[in-house]
Structure formats: C-alpha cells, structure tokens
Amino acid sequence: MTTRGYRRAMATVTYSVPGISCDHCKHAIETEVSGVSGVDGVTVDVTAKTVTVEGHAPDDALRAAIDEAGYEVAGTA
C-alpha cells in the first residue's frame, strides 16, 4: 500500500480463539477473515488456537468475521 509516495508497513494482529480444534475450524475462519477488506493474509494455528491477520483491516471487522465463522475471540495474543 502506498501513501504519498511512501509504502505503509503491513500491520499484524494475533487473536486468541480457544474454540479452534480442527481443520474445519481453520478453514471456516480463514474463509471469513480473508473476505474482510484490507486483509492481506490470515494464518490459523490449530495447536496454538490463534488467528494471525496481516493487512490494514479494522479490529471490529476482524472480530466480526471470526464470530461469523462461529468462534469467539478471547483476546489478542
């Protein structure tokens, strides 16, 4: 992303999502979160029960996407 000739650094946020337990969970979350405007990448770690998002998307939109997938965000990791 470029702003006034400068390249903006990509932001990364990691959420703790205790309900993640399988590959189905992983796929459901990846599908919902990747559809949020501003998301450049999403990684779901089933073992660590975390969702890491790269890009410039609003926090509330990311949390809503995880909720839409059927999972509750416990906080940031």
Protein backbone atom coordinates (compact mmCIF):
# COMPACT_ATOMS: atom_id res chain seq x y z
CA MET A 1 0.00 0.00 0.00
CA THR A 2 1.38 3.41 -0.92
CA THR A 3 0.50 6.73 0.71
CA ARG A 4 2.05 9.96 -0.66
CA GLY A 5 4.93 8.07 -2.19
CA TYR A 6 5.68 6.11 1.00
CA ARG A 7 4.96 2.47 1.47
CA ARG A 8 2.89 1.73 4.61
CA ALA A 9 4.08 -1.14 6.74
CA MET A 10 1.71 -4.06 6.97
CA ALA A 11 0.08 -4.42 10.39
CA THR A 12 -0.12 -7.82 12.08
CA VAL A 13 -2.53 -8.78 14.84
CA THR A 14 -2.94 -12.16 16.55
CA TYR A 15 -6.17 -13.21 18.26
CA SER A 16 -6.63 -15.96 20.82
CA VAL A 17 -9.56 -18.17 19.77
CA PRO A 18 -9.94 -21.07 22.25
CA GLY A 19 -12.70 -22.79 20.23
CA ILE A 20 -10.36 -23.76 17.37
CA SER A 21 -9.92 -27.53 17.41
CA CYS A 22 -9.69 -28.91 13.87
CA ASP A 23 -9.02 -28.22 10.20
CA HIS A 24 -12.71 -27.45 9.64
CA CYS A 25 -12.40 -24.62 12.19
CA LYS A 26 -9.27 -23.40 10.44
CA HIS A 27 -10.92 -23.34 7.01
CA ALA A 28 -14.09 -21.63 8.27
CA ILE A 29 -12.12 -18.83 9.95
CA GLU A 30 -9.72 -18.38 7.03
CA THR A 31 -12.65 -18.09 4.62
CA GLU A 32 -14.49 -15.45 6.66
CA VAL A 33 -11.45 -13.36 7.64
CA SER A 34 -9.90 -13.37 4.17
CA GLY A 35 -13.11 -11.77 2.87
CA VAL A 36 -12.65 -8.67 5.05
CA SER A 37 -11.49 -5.61 3.15
CA GLY A 38 -7.89 -4.76 3.98
CA VAL A 39 -6.80 -8.30 4.87
CA ASP A 40 -3.66 -9.35 3.03
CA GLY A 41 -3.15 -12.68 4.78
CA VAL A 42 -4.60 -14.89 7.50
CA THR A 43 -2.99 -17.79 9.34
CA VAL A 44 -4.89 -20.05 11.73
CA ASP A 45 -2.80 -22.17 14.13
CA VAL A 46 -4.98 -25.03 15.39
CA THR A 47 -2.46 -26.14 18.03
CA ALA A 48 -1.89 -22.65 19.48
CA LYS A 49 -5.56 -21.71 18.95
CA THR A 50 -4.64 -18.40 17.35
CA VAL A 51 -5.61 -16.40 14.28
CA THR A 52 -2.95 -14.08 12.85
CA VAL A 53 -4.04 -11.45 10.36
CA GLU A 54 -1.82 -9.26 8.17
CA GLY A 55 -3.06 -6.11 6.49
CA HIS A 56 -4.97 -2.98 7.41
CA ALA A 57 -8.45 -4.11 8.41
CA PRO A 58 -10.44 -2.67 11.33
CA ASP A 59 -10.30 -4.71 14.54
CA ASP A 60 -14.09 -4.84 14.86
CA ALA A 61 -14.44 -6.20 11.31
CA LEU A 62 -11.90 -8.95 12.01
CA ARG A 63 -13.59 -9.93 15.26
CA ALA A 64 -16.98 -9.95 13.50
CA ALA A 65 -15.61 -12.25 10.76
CA ILE A 66 -14.29 -14.71 13.35
CA ASP A 67 -17.66 -14.56 15.10
CA GLU A 68 -19.45 -15.12 11.77
CA ALA A 69 -17.36 -18.27 11.32
CA GLY A 70 -18.77 -19.48 14.65
CA TYR A 71 -15.89 -18.75 17.02
CA GLU A 72 -15.36 -16.31 19.86
CA VAL A 73 -12.27 -14.15 20.22
CA ALA A 74 -10.91 -14.37 23.79
CA GLY A 75 -8.47 -11.51 23.25
CA THR A 76 -5.26 -10.70 21.47
CA ALA A 77 -2.29 -13.00 21.82
